Structure formats: C-alpha cells, structure tokens
Amino acid sequence: MTNLSLALAGAWKVLLAGLVLGSGLPAVFGLGIRSLALARGGEAETDGGRPHRVGMFLAGLCFLVVLAAVVLGLLYIIVTGFGKELSFSHLYPMIVDTKK
C-alpha cells in the first residue's frame, strides 16, 4: 500500500508541473498577445487614436513572467549539469554546491 501512496504523491507533482509549464506558460503568453491587441485598440488602427497604456503594461508583465520562467528553466538545466543545485531559500534563486 505504501508503494501506491508514494506513486500518487509523485504523480500529483508531475501533473501540477505539466499544467503550469505545459499549458500555463502558453496561456500567459497568449494573454500577453491579447493585451497587445488591447493596447493598440481598433481606434488606434483606423483613425490614429491613442493606445491604451494598461494593455501595454499587462502585455509587458505577461511577457516578463514567461521570460523569467524560461530563464529559470535554462538556469536549472545548466546548473545541474555542472553538479550544483539551484536554491530558492532566499527571495531570488542562488547557485549552491550539492550537499553530500
């Protein structure tokens, strides 16, 4: 019975990571594209109206989140390749030596 509980404990972590990274990041990127469309607006395209600043802010925020996730993912892959760990014990990620 303990094998089943261990398998289920690991399965929900994999499911959560798959949802966040598999569909979450593309959804945030799509929201960024949609916010860019809001920033331009239909009036800005036809008669030169003023763009919406909120849309530009939201688009920049969405793209920043996606870029940070990509950089952290690459950093994790590179750091583990060198035999170190990526620690999130502080506010920002730090590269630390592996504990033996």
N, C-alpha and C. Protein backbone atom coordinates (compact mmCIF):
# COMPACT_ATOMS: atom_id res chain seq x y z
N MET A 1 0.82 -1.19 0.00
CA MET A 1 0.00 0.00 0.00
C MET A 1 0.86 1.25 0.00
N THR A 2 2.05 1.16 0.61
CA THR A 2 2.92 2.34 0.64
C THR A 2 3.44 2.69 -0.76
N ASN A 3 3.60 1.69 -1.61
CA ASN A 3 4.04 1.97 -2.98
C ASN A 3 3.01 2.79 -3.73
N LEU A 4 1.75 2.48 -3.51
CA LEU A 4 0.69 3.24 -4.17
C LEU A 4 0.65 4.68 -3.68
N SER A 5 0.81 4.88 -2.38
CA SER A 5 0.80 6.25 -1.85
C SER A 5 2.01 7.04 -2.33
N LEU A 6 3.17 6.39 -2.45
CA LEU A 6 4.35 7.06 -2.98
C LEU A 6 4.17 7.42 -4.45
N ALA A 7 3.56 6.53 -5.21
CA ALA A 7 3.32 6.81 -6.63
C ALA A 7 2.34 7.96 -6.80
N LEU A 8 1.31 7.99 -5.99
CA LEU A 8 0.33 9.08 -6.09
C LEU A 8 0.93 10.40 -5.61
N ALA A 9 1.81 10.35 -4.63
CA ALA A 9 2.46 11.57 -4.14
C ALA A 9 3.34 12.19 -5.23
N GLY A 10 3.99 11.35 -5.99
CA GLY A 10 4.81 11.86 -7.10
C GLY A 10 3.98 12.25 -8.30
N ALA A 11 2.87 11.57 -8.51
CA ALA A 11 2.05 11.83 -9.69
C ALA A 11 1.39 13.20 -9.64
N TRP A 12 0.96 13.66 -8.48
CA TRP A 12 0.31 14.97 -8.44
C TRP A 12 1.32 16.09 -8.68
N LYS A 13 2.59 15.87 -8.29
CA LYS A 13 3.63 16.86 -8.56
C LYS A 13 3.91 16.96 -10.06
N VAL A 14 3.95 15.82 -10.72
CA VAL A 14 4.16 15.80 -12.16
C VAL A 14 2.97 16.43 -12.88
N LEU A 15 1.77 16.14 -12.42
CA LEU A 15 0.57 16.73 -13.01
C LEU A 15 0.56 18.24 -12.85
N LEU A 16 0.91 18.72 -11.68
CA LEU A 16 0.93 20.16 -11.43
C LEU A 16 1.99 20.85 -12.28
N ALA A 17 3.17 20.28 -12.38
CA ALA A 17 4.22 20.86 -13.21
C ALA A 17 3.82 20.86 -14.68
N GLY A 18 3.17 19.79 -15.12
CA GLY A 18 2.71 19.72 -16.50
C GLY A 18 1.65 20.77 -16.81
N LEU A 19 0.75 21.00 -15.86
CA LEU A 19 -0.28 22.01 -16.08
C LEU A 19 0.30 23.42 -16.10
N VAL A 20 1.21 23.69 -15.17
CA VAL A 20 1.79 25.03 -15.09
C VAL A 20 2.68 25.31 -16.29
N LEU A 21 3.60 24.41 -16.58
CA LEU A 21 4.55 24.64 -17.66
C LEU A 21 4.00 24.25 -19.03
N GLY A 22 3.17 23.25 -19.06
CA GLY A 22 2.66 22.77 -20.34
C GLY A 22 1.57 23.64 -20.92
N SER A 23 0.66 24.08 -20.10
CA SER A 23 -0.43 24.92 -20.61
C SER A 23 -0.46 26.29 -19.97
N GLY A 24 0.19 26.46 -18.83
CA GLY A 24 0.16 27.74 -18.13
C GLY A 24 0.99 28.81 -18.82
N LEU A 25 2.22 28.49 -19.19
CA LEU A 25 3.07 29.48 -19.84
C LEU A 25 2.54 29.88 -21.22
N PRO A 26 2.10 28.95 -22.06
CA PRO A 26 1.50 29.40 -23.32
C PRO A 26 0.23 30.23 -23.12
N ALA A 27 -0.52 29.95 -22.06
CA ALA A 27 -1.71 30.76 -21.79
C ALA A 27 -1.32 32.17 -21.37
N VAL A 28 -0.27 32.31 -20.55
CA VAL A 28 0.19 33.64 -20.15
C VAL A 28 0.74 34.39 -21.37
N PHE A 29 1.43 33.69 -22.25
CA PHE A 29 1.92 34.31 -23.48
C PHE A 29 0.75 34.77 -24.35
N GLY A 30 -0.28 33.94 -24.45
CA GLY A 30 -1.48 34.32 -25.20
C GLY A 30 -2.17 35.54 -24.61
N LEU A 31 -2.20 35.62 -23.27
CA LEU A 31 -2.76 36.81 -22.63
C LEU A 31 -1.92 38.05 -22.94
N GLY A 32 -0.62 37.86 -23.06
CA GLY A 32 0.25 38.98 -23.43
C GLY A 32 -0.05 39.47 -24.85
N ILE A 33 -0.25 38.55 -25.76
CA ILE A 33 -0.60 38.91 -27.14
C ILE A 33 -1.96 39.60 -27.17
N ARG A 34 -2.90 39.09 -26.40
CA ARG A 34 -4.23 39.70 -26.33
C ARG A 34 -4.15 41.11 -25.72
N SER A 35 -3.29 41.29 -24.75
CA SER A 35 -3.11 42.61 -24.14
C SER A 35 -2.48 43.59 -25.12
N LEU A 36 -1.60 43.09 -25.99
CA LEU A 36 -1.05 43.97 -27.03
C LEU A 36 -2.14 44.43 -27.99
N ALA A 37 -3.08 43.54 -28.30
CA ALA A 37 -4.19 43.93 -29.15
C ALA A 37 -5.07 44.97 -28.44
N LEU A 38 -5.25 44.81 -27.14
CA LEU A 38 -5.99 45.80 -26.37
C LEU A 38 -5.26 47.13 -26.34
N ALA A 39 -3.94 47.06 -26.26
CA ALA A 39 -3.15 48.29 -26.21
C ALA A 39 -3.26 49.07 -27.51
N ARG A 40 -3.31 48.39 -28.62
CA ARG A 40 -3.43 49.08 -29.91
C ARG A 40 -4.84 49.60 -30.12
N GLY A 41 -5.82 48.76 -29.85
CA GLY A 41 -7.22 49.15 -29.99
C GLY A 41 -7.63 49.35 -31.44
N GLY A 42 -8.90 49.20 -31.71
CA GLY A 42 -9.41 49.39 -33.06
C GLY A 42 -9.34 50.83 -33.50
N GLU A 43 -9.54 51.74 -32.59
CA GLU A 43 -9.49 53.15 -32.94
C GLU A 43 -8.08 53.59 -33.28
N ALA A 44 -7.09 53.01 -32.65
CA ALA A 44 -5.70 53.39 -32.92
C ALA A 44 -5.29 52.97 -34.32
N GLU A 45 -5.90 51.90 -34.86
CA GLU A 45 -5.54 51.43 -36.19
C GLU A 45 -6.22 52.24 -37.28
N THR A 46 -7.44 52.67 -37.07
CA THR A 46 -8.18 53.32 -38.15
C THR A 46 -8.01 54.83 -38.19
N ASP A 47 -8.10 55.49 -37.06
CA ASP A 47 -8.03 56.95 -37.09
C ASP A 47 -6.90 57.51 -36.23
N GLY A 48 -5.94 56.69 -35.87
CA GLY A 48 -4.79 57.18 -35.12
C GLY A 48 -5.09 57.55 -33.68
N GLY A 49 -6.07 56.88 -33.06
CA GLY A 49 -6.40 57.16 -31.66
C GLY A 49 -5.27 56.75 -30.73
N ARG A 50 -5.38 57.18 -29.50
CA ARG A 50 -4.34 56.88 -28.52
C ARG A 50 -4.43 55.43 -28.05
N PRO A 51 -3.30 54.75 -27.96
CA PRO A 51 -3.32 53.37 -27.46
C PRO A 51 -3.58 53.34 -25.95
N HIS A 52 -4.05 52.21 -25.47
CA HIS A 52 -4.33 52.02 -24.06
C HIS A 52 -3.05 51.63 -23.33
N ARG A 53 -2.69 52.38 -22.31
CA ARG A 53 -1.45 52.10 -21.56
C ARG A 53 -1.59 50.86 -20.68
N VAL A 54 -2.79 50.56 -20.24
CA VAL A 54 -2.99 49.38 -19.39
C VAL A 54 -2.68 48.11 -20.17
N GLY A 55 -3.06 48.07 -21.43
CA GLY A 55 -2.78 46.91 -22.26
C GLY A 55 -1.29 46.69 -22.45
N MET A 56 -0.56 47.79 -22.63
CA MET A 56 0.89 47.67 -22.79
C MET A 56 1.53 47.19 -21.48
N PHE A 57 1.05 47.68 -20.35
CA PHE A 57 1.59 47.24 -19.07
C PHE A 57 1.30 45.76 -18.85
N LEU A 58 0.08 45.33 -19.11
CA LEU A 58 -0.27 43.91 -18.93
C LEU A 58 0.51 43.01 -19.87
N ALA A 59 0.71 43.46 -21.11
CA ALA A 59 1.49 42.68 -22.06
C ALA A 59 2.93 42.54 -21.59
N GLY A 60 3.51 43.63 -21.14
CA GLY A 60 4.89 43.58 -20.64
C GLY A 60 5.02 42.68 -19.43
N LEU A 61 4.03 42.72 -18.54
CA LEU A 61 4.05 41.87 -17.36
C LEU A 61 3.94 40.38 -17.74
N CYS A 62 3.06 40.07 -18.67
CA CYS A 62 2.91 38.68 -19.12
C CYS A 62 4.18 38.17 -19.78
N PHE A 63 4.77 38.99 -20.65
CA PHE A 63 5.99 38.57 -21.32
C PHE A 63 7.16 38.45 -20.34
N LEU A 64 7.18 39.27 -19.31
CA LEU A 64 8.22 39.19 -18.29
C LEU A 64 8.11 37.89 -17.50
N VAL A 65 6.89 37.47 -17.19
CA VAL A 65 6.68 36.21 -16.47
C VAL A 65 7.15 35.03 -17.31
N VAL A 66 6.81 35.03 -18.60
CA VAL A 66 7.22 33.94 -19.48
C VAL A 66 8.74 33.92 -19.63
N LEU A 67 9.34 35.08 -19.81
CA LEU A 67 10.79 35.16 -19.96
C LEU A 67 11.50 34.69 -18.68
N ALA A 68 10.99 35.07 -17.52
CA ALA A 68 11.59 34.63 -16.26
C ALA A 68 11.49 33.12 -16.10
N ALA A 69 10.38 32.53 -16.50
CA ALA A 69 10.23 31.07 -16.41
C ALA A 69 11.20 30.36 -17.34
N VAL A 70 11.39 30.88 -18.53
CA VAL A 70 12.32 30.27 -19.48
C VAL A 70 13.76 30.39 -18.96
N VAL A 71 14.12 31.55 -18.46
CA VAL A 71 15.48 31.74 -17.94
C VAL A 71 15.73 30.85 -16.73
N LEU A 72 14.76 30.75 -15.82
CA LEU A 72 14.93 29.87 -14.66
C LEU A 72 15.03 28.41 -15.06
N GLY A 73 14.26 28.00 -16.05
CA GLY A 73 14.34 26.63 -16.54
C GLY A 73 15.69 26.31 -17.14
N LEU A 74 16.20 27.22 -17.96
CA LEU A 74 17.53 27.02 -18.54
C LEU A 74 18.61 27.05 -17.47
N LEU A 75 18.48 27.95 -16.51
CA LEU A 75 19.45 28.02 -15.43
C LEU A 75 19.47 26.72 -14.62
N TYR A 76 18.30 26.16 -14.36
CA TYR A 76 18.23 24.90 -13.62
C TYR A 76 18.92 23.77 -14.40
N ILE A 77 18.69 23.71 -15.70
CA ILE A 77 19.31 22.66 -16.51
C ILE A 77 20.83 22.82 -16.53
N ILE A 78 21.30 24.04 -16.70
CA ILE A 78 22.74 24.30 -16.78
C ILE A 78 23.41 24.03 -15.44
N VAL A 79 22.80 24.48 -14.36
CA VAL A 79 23.40 24.32 -13.03
C VAL A 79 23.49 22.85 -12.65
N THR A 80 22.45 22.08 -12.90
CA THR A 80 22.51 20.66 -12.55
C THR A 80 23.51 19.93 -13.42
N GLY A 81 23.76 20.42 -14.62
CA GLY A 81 24.79 19.81 -15.46
C GLY A 81 26.19 19.99 -14.91
N PHE A 82 26.41 21.05 -14.17
CA PHE A 82 27.70 21.28 -13.54
C PHE A 82 27.80 20.68 -12.15
N GLY A 83 26.80 19.93 -11.72
CA GLY A 83 26.84 19.26 -10.42
C GLY A 83 26.50 20.16 -9.25
N LYS A 84 25.77 21.21 -9.48
CA LYS A 84 25.38 22.12 -8.41
C LYS A 84 23.85 22.09 -8.28
N GLU A 85 23.33 22.89 -7.34
CA GLU A 85 21.88 22.96 -7.14
C GLU A 85 21.42 24.40 -7.25
N LEU A 86 20.17 24.56 -7.58
CA LEU A 86 19.55 25.88 -7.62
C LEU A 86 18.66 25.99 -6.39
N SER A 87 19.00 26.91 -5.49
CA SER A 87 18.29 27.04 -4.22
C SER A 87 17.37 28.26 -4.27
N PHE A 88 16.14 28.07 -3.80
CA PHE A 88 15.17 29.15 -3.71
C PHE A 88 14.91 29.52 -2.25
N SER A 89 15.90 29.35 -1.39
CA SER A 89 15.70 29.63 0.03
C SER A 89 15.62 31.13 0.31
N HIS A 90 16.14 31.95 -0.58
CA HIS A 90 16.06 33.41 -0.43
C HIS A 90 14.99 33.92 -1.39
N LEU A 91 14.89 35.20 -1.55
CA LEU A 91 13.91 35.79 -2.46
C LEU A 91 14.26 35.52 -3.91
N TYR A 92 15.52 35.40 -4.20
CA TYR A 92 15.99 35.16 -5.55
C TYR A 92 16.72 33.82 -5.61
N PRO A 93 16.80 33.18 -6.77
CA PRO A 93 17.47 31.88 -6.86
C PRO A 93 18.99 32.04 -6.72
N MET A 94 19.58 31.08 -6.03
CA MET A 94 21.03 31.07 -5.83
C MET A 94 21.59 29.72 -6.24
N ILE A 95 22.81 29.74 -6.79
CA ILE A 95 23.50 28.52 -7.15
C ILE A 95 24.36 28.09 -5.96
N VAL A 96 24.13 26.87 -5.48
CA VAL A 96 24.86 26.35 -4.32
C VAL A 96 25.47 25.00 -4.67
N ASP A 97 26.48 24.62 -3.91
CA ASP A 97 27.09 23.30 -4.09
C ASP A 97 26.13 22.22 -3.61
N THR A 98 26.22 21.04 -4.19
CA THR A 98 25.37 19.94 -3.79
C THR A 98 25.80 19.44 -2.41
N LYS A 99 24.82 19.01 -1.65
CA LYS A 99 25.09 18.50 -0.30
C LYS A 99 25.38 17.01 -0.38
N LYS A 100 26.47 16.60 0.26
CA LYS A 100 26.83 15.18 0.22
C LYS A 100 26.82 14.60 1.58
